[in-house]
Amino acid sequence: MFTLAVLACTLGGLAVGSFLNVVIYRVPSGRSIVAPGSTCPSCATPISPQDNIPVLSWIVLRGRCRHCRAPISARYPAVELLTAVLFALTAVRLGATWSLPAELAFVAGLIALAAVDFERYLLPRAILYPTLVLVGAGLLLAAGATGRWTRLGVAGVCGAGAFAVFLAIHLARPRWLGFGDVRLAGLLGLGLGWMGPWYLFIGFMVANLLGAGVGIGLMAAGRASRSTPLPYGVFLGAGSIVALLAADPIIHWYSQTLVR
């Protein structure tokens, strides 16, 4: 079951990554993600099924449209590969558990939100709210199947608490934190809170360390100043995924070494 779960998540991740590319491209523009079908952004020619195979088609076509030969962004295979890898790692971390679908939806939503925030400094509600619903429904199903209602309650409290803390910061210093980040904090609290409050804490710590590191690096290179905005959603998403996949050994080390 474990091997099948990892394999299924890897292959499913490629397909989900292809769908996320549509979401990343269309949602910020207010376009439907259902219709019309995928087309070349340059010549608007419909993309045939054989040219829409995740990663492989981009390699075969050498990153260009079959019809107009316009370049196709490397972001497309990158998102597909990233989703497949993170889905596989999530399956390795959680195994074939009832909470796996919820955490996969959590990871997929974070990838889409981070990509849009990186490109447009935007965290669309049209991505965040459906992700929140899918994660919440998945965790509710997991709690019902396993009887872990306390875990679900902790996840809800973490989501509400993270939202409240970020809201307070937003109200006190609106220039520091956009309201999109406030909404995202609620999602992070729910997704990581199911694993435990420490996961949420580590996720936020990693996000801030990443943000500080990137900001300092850009300033040192003369490419940014202290007033240059950074896509905080990218760091929040990255920190949360790191926490989901790697926080367990950190928590174990802390409890075994520092608490004693």
Protein backbone atom coordinates (compact mmCIF):
# COMPACT_ATOMS: atom_id res chain seq x y z
CA MET A 1 0.00 0.00 0.00
CA PHE A 2 2.82 2.40 0.84
CA THR A 3 4.60 1.89 -2.50
CA LEU A 4 1.33 2.16 -4.43
CA ALA A 5 0.43 5.35 -2.57
CA VAL A 6 3.77 6.97 -3.40
CA LEU A 7 3.57 5.91 -7.05
CA ALA A 8 -0.03 7.09 -7.38
CA CYS A 9 0.82 10.43 -5.78
CA THR A 10 3.81 10.91 -8.08
CA LEU A 11 1.81 10.26 -11.24
CA GLY A 12 -1.15 12.18 -9.88
CA GLY A 13 1.18 15.05 -9.06
CA LEU A 14 2.19 15.36 -12.71
CA ALA A 15 -1.47 15.60 -13.75
CA VAL A 16 -2.32 18.01 -10.93
CA GLY A 17 0.73 20.12 -11.82
CA SER A 18 -0.56 20.43 -15.38
CA PHE A 19 -3.90 21.62 -14.02
CA LEU A 20 -2.17 24.05 -11.67
CA ASN A 21 -0.48 25.66 -14.67
CA VAL A 22 -3.92 26.46 -16.05
CA VAL A 23 -4.97 27.86 -12.67
CA ILE A 24 -1.82 29.99 -12.37
CA TYR A 25 -2.23 31.39 -15.88
CA ARG A 26 -5.99 31.99 -15.94
CA VAL A 27 -7.25 32.76 -12.45
CA PRO A 28 -5.41 36.10 -11.97
CA SER A 29 -6.99 37.29 -15.22
CA GLY A 30 -10.48 36.25 -14.14
CA ARG A 31 -10.74 33.58 -16.84
CA SER A 32 -12.46 30.21 -16.53
CA ILE A 33 -10.23 27.23 -15.74
CA VAL A 34 -12.72 24.89 -17.41
CA ALA A 35 -13.31 26.36 -20.86
CA PRO A 36 -11.97 26.83 -23.43
CA GLY A 37 -9.41 24.06 -23.57
CA SER A 38 -5.68 24.70 -23.42
CA THR A 39 -4.32 26.84 -26.25
CA CYS A 40 -0.97 28.33 -27.18
CA PRO A 41 -0.66 31.77 -25.51
CA SER A 42 0.92 33.17 -28.68
CA CYS A 43 -1.12 31.82 -31.61
CA ALA A 44 -4.23 30.57 -29.71
CA THR A 45 -4.04 27.19 -31.47
CA PRO A 46 -5.69 24.44 -29.37
CA ILE A 47 -3.11 22.14 -27.81
CA SER A 48 -3.56 18.53 -28.92
CA PRO A 49 -3.53 15.72 -26.35
CA GLN A 50 -0.11 14.44 -27.46
CA ASP A 51 1.32 17.92 -26.88
CA ASN A 52 -0.25 18.18 -23.43
CA ILE A 53 1.59 15.36 -21.65
CA PRO A 54 3.17 16.75 -18.48
CA VAL A 55 6.91 17.48 -18.80
CA LEU A 56 7.43 15.03 -21.68
CA SER A 57 5.64 17.15 -24.31
CA TRP A 58 7.67 20.23 -23.35
CA ILE A 59 10.89 18.25 -23.77
CA VAL A 60 9.84 16.72 -27.10
CA LEU A 61 8.80 20.12 -28.47
CA ARG A 62 11.99 21.68 -27.09
CA GLY A 63 10.00 24.28 -25.23
CA ARG A 64 8.25 25.68 -28.29
CA CYS A 65 4.74 25.62 -29.77
CA ARG A 66 4.37 23.03 -32.51
CA HIS A 67 2.52 25.52 -34.75
CA CYS A 68 4.01 29.00 -34.30
CA ARG A 69 7.31 27.94 -32.67
CA ALA A 70 6.87 30.56 -29.97
CA PRO A 71 8.74 29.68 -26.75
CA ILE A 72 6.78 27.99 -23.97
CA SER A 73 7.79 29.10 -20.50
CA ALA A 74 9.91 26.66 -18.50
CA ARG A 75 7.51 27.38 -15.65
CA TYR A 76 5.12 24.77 -17.08
CA PRO A 77 7.34 21.69 -16.71
CA ALA A 78 8.84 23.15 -13.51
CA VAL A 79 5.42 23.31 -11.82
CA GLU A 80 4.55 19.81 -13.03
CA LEU A 81 7.82 18.34 -11.75
CA LEU A 82 7.64 20.25 -8.47
CA THR A 83 4.09 19.05 -7.83
CA ALA A 84 5.01 15.44 -8.60
CA VAL A 85 8.06 15.56 -6.31
CA LEU A 86 6.21 17.23 -3.44
CA PHE A 87 3.25 14.86 -3.77
CA ALA A 88 5.65 11.91 -3.63
CA LEU A 89 7.46 13.30 -0.59
CA THR A 90 4.15 13.99 1.14
CA ALA A 91 3.10 10.40 0.52
CA VAL A 92 6.42 9.16 1.90
CA ARG A 93 5.99 11.37 4.96
CA LEU A 94 2.35 10.48 5.72
CA GLY A 95 1.89 7.08 4.10
CA ALA A 96 -1.50 5.80 2.96
CA THR A 97 -3.38 7.66 5.70
CA TRP A 98 -6.81 9.26 5.72
CA SER A 99 -5.26 12.72 6.01
CA LEU A 100 -3.09 12.30 2.90
CA PRO A 101 -5.67 13.69 0.41
CA ALA A 102 -6.17 16.81 2.54
CA GLU A 103 -2.45 17.47 2.80
CA LEU A 104 -2.00 16.89 -0.95
CA ALA A 105 -4.70 19.50 -1.61
CA PHE A 106 -2.86 21.76 0.84
CA VAL A 107 0.43 21.35 -1.05
CA ALA A 108 -1.20 21.86 -4.45
CA GLY A 109 -2.90 25.05 -3.30
CA LEU A 110 0.34 26.41 -1.87
CA ILE A 111 2.17 25.76 -5.14
CA ALA A 112 -0.45 27.65 -7.13
CA LEU A 113 -0.64 30.53 -4.66
CA ALA A 114 3.15 30.86 -4.44
CA ALA A 115 3.50 30.88 -8.23
CA VAL A 116 0.88 33.60 -8.67
CA ASP A 117 2.33 35.65 -5.81
CA PHE A 118 5.82 35.35 -7.33
CA GLU A 119 4.63 36.54 -10.72
CA ARG A 120 1.97 39.09 -9.74
CA TYR A 121 2.28 39.83 -6.00
CA LEU A 122 -1.24 38.49 -5.62
CA LEU A 123 -2.90 35.74 -3.56
CA PRO A 124 -6.24 35.18 -5.34
CA ARG A 125 -9.26 34.25 -3.27
CA ALA A 126 -10.39 32.10 -6.19
CA ILE A 127 -7.46 29.78 -5.41
CA LEU A 128 -7.23 30.19 -1.64
CA TYR A 129 -10.88 29.58 -0.73
CA PRO A 130 -11.33 26.37 -2.78
CA THR A 131 -8.07 25.09 -1.28
CA LEU A 132 -9.37 25.91 2.20
CA VAL A 133 -12.61 24.03 1.50
CA LEU A 134 -10.80 20.98 0.11
CA VAL A 135 -8.36 20.83 3.02
CA GLY A 136 -11.14 21.33 5.56
CA ALA A 137 -13.33 18.66 3.96
CA GLY A 138 -10.40 16.25 3.74
CA LEU A 139 -9.50 16.73 7.39
CA LEU A 140 -13.15 16.34 8.41
CA LEU A 141 -13.24 13.04 6.53
CA ALA A 142 -9.97 11.97 8.17
CA ALA A 143 -11.29 12.83 11.63
CA GLY A 144 -14.51 10.92 10.99
CA ALA A 145 -12.67 7.86 9.69
CA THR A 146 -10.08 7.74 12.48
CA GLY A 147 -11.97 9.29 15.39
CA ARG A 148 -9.32 11.98 15.81
CA TRP A 149 -11.74 14.82 16.48
CA THR A 150 -9.31 16.45 18.90
CA ARG A 151 -6.80 16.76 16.08
CA LEU A 152 -9.42 18.43 13.92
CA GLY A 153 -10.22 20.82 16.76
CA VAL A 154 -6.53 21.70 17.16
CA ALA A 155 -6.30 22.34 13.41
CA GLY A 156 -9.31 24.66 13.58
CA VAL A 157 -7.87 26.54 16.55
CA CYS A 158 -4.50 26.88 14.79
CA GLY A 159 -6.21 28.21 11.66
CA ALA A 160 -8.24 30.75 13.62
CA GLY A 161 -5.25 31.72 15.75
CA ALA A 162 -2.92 32.24 12.79
CA PHE A 163 -5.58 34.30 11.03
CA ALA A 164 -6.09 36.45 14.16
CA VAL A 165 -2.36 37.09 14.66
CA PHE A 166 -1.82 38.06 11.04
CA LEU A 167 -4.94 40.21 11.08
CA ALA A 168 -3.64 42.10 14.11
CA ILE A 169 -0.33 42.73 12.33
CA HIS A 170 -2.17 43.84 9.19
CA LEU A 171 -4.33 46.28 11.12
CA ALA A 172 -1.33 47.68 13.02
CA ARG A 173 1.05 47.83 10.05
CA PRO A 174 -0.83 47.49 6.73
CA ARG A 175 2.37 48.12 4.76
CA TRP A 176 4.02 45.11 6.36
CA LEU A 177 1.36 42.57 5.56
CA GLY A 178 -1.37 42.44 2.91
CA PHE A 179 -4.78 40.97 3.65
CA GLY A 180 -4.07 38.14 1.23
CA ASP A 181 -1.35 36.99 3.62
CA VAL A 182 -3.88 37.14 6.46
CA ARG A 183 -6.19 34.78 4.59
CA LEU A 184 -3.27 32.53 3.72
CA ALA A 185 -2.28 32.32 7.40
CA GLY A 186 -5.66 30.77 8.18
CA LEU A 187 -5.11 28.10 5.53
CA LEU A 188 -1.61 27.39 6.84
CA GLY A 189 -2.90 27.06 10.38
CA LEU A 190 -5.51 24.53 9.29
CA GLY A 191 -3.21 22.44 7.10
CA LEU A 192 -0.29 22.35 9.52
CA GLY A 193 -2.40 22.42 12.68
CA TRP A 194 -3.66 18.89 11.95
CA MET A 195 -0.05 17.75 12.34
CA GLY A 196 0.34 19.80 15.53
CA PRO A 197 0.90 23.40 16.64
CA TRP A 198 4.68 22.99 16.48
CA TYR A 199 4.43 22.36 12.75
CA LEU A 200 2.74 25.72 12.32
CA PHE A 201 5.35 27.47 14.43
CA ILE A 202 8.21 25.88 12.48
CA GLY A 203 6.51 26.74 9.18
CA PHE A 204 6.30 30.42 10.09
CA MET A 205 9.88 30.43 11.40
CA VAL A 206 11.24 28.89 8.20
CA ALA A 207 9.18 31.32 6.10
CA ASN A 208 10.59 34.34 7.91
CA LEU A 209 14.16 33.01 7.75
CA LEU A 210 13.79 32.43 4.01
CA GLY A 211 12.29 35.88 3.51
CA ALA A 212 15.03 37.55 5.53
CA GLY A 213 17.73 35.62 3.70
CA VAL A 214 16.39 36.51 0.26
CA GLY A 215 15.86 40.14 1.24
CA ILE A 216 19.38 40.52 2.65
CA GLY A 217 20.84 38.77 -0.39
CA LEU A 218 19.01 41.08 -2.81
CA MET A 219 20.10 44.16 -0.89
CA ALA A 220 23.69 42.95 -0.79
CA ALA A 221 23.54 42.48 -4.57
CA GLY A 222 22.13 45.98 -5.03
CA ARG A 223 18.88 44.64 -6.49
CA ALA A 224 16.59 45.74 -3.68
CA SER A 225 16.26 48.21 -0.83
CA ARG A 226 14.58 47.98 2.56
CA SER A 227 11.37 49.31 1.01
CA THR A 228 11.30 46.81 -1.88
CA PRO A 229 8.24 44.53 -1.56
CA LEU A 230 8.75 40.78 -1.55
CA PRO A 231 6.16 38.09 -2.32
CA TYR A 232 5.67 36.91 1.26
CA GLY A 233 3.23 34.24 0.11
CA VAL A 234 6.11 32.44 -1.61
CA PHE A 235 8.03 32.20 1.66
CA LEU A 236 4.93 31.23 3.65
CA GLY A 237 4.20 28.44 1.18
CA ALA A 238 7.80 27.21 1.14
CA GLY A 239 8.10 27.33 4.91
CA SER A 240 4.85 25.41 5.35
CA ILE A 241 5.89 22.65 2.95
CA VAL A 242 9.27 22.36 4.69
CA ALA A 243 7.45 22.06 8.01
CA LEU A 244 5.03 19.45 6.67
CA LEU A 245 7.86 17.30 5.33
CA ALA A 246 10.70 17.89 7.79
CA ALA A 247 9.41 19.28 11.09
CA ASP A 248 9.05 15.86 12.74
CA PRO A 249 12.79 15.23 13.29
CA ILE A 250 13.23 18.83 14.48
CA ILE A 251 10.45 18.40 17.04
CA HIS A 252 11.83 15.01 18.11
CA TRP A 253 15.34 16.45 18.56
CA TYR A 254 13.98 19.35 20.58
CA SER A 255 11.90 17.14 22.84
CA GLN A 256 14.73 14.65 23.39
CA THR A 257 17.61 17.14 23.76
CA LEU A 258 16.49 20.52 25.00
CA VAL A 259 13.42 19.68 27.07
CA ARG A 260 15.28 17.18 29.28
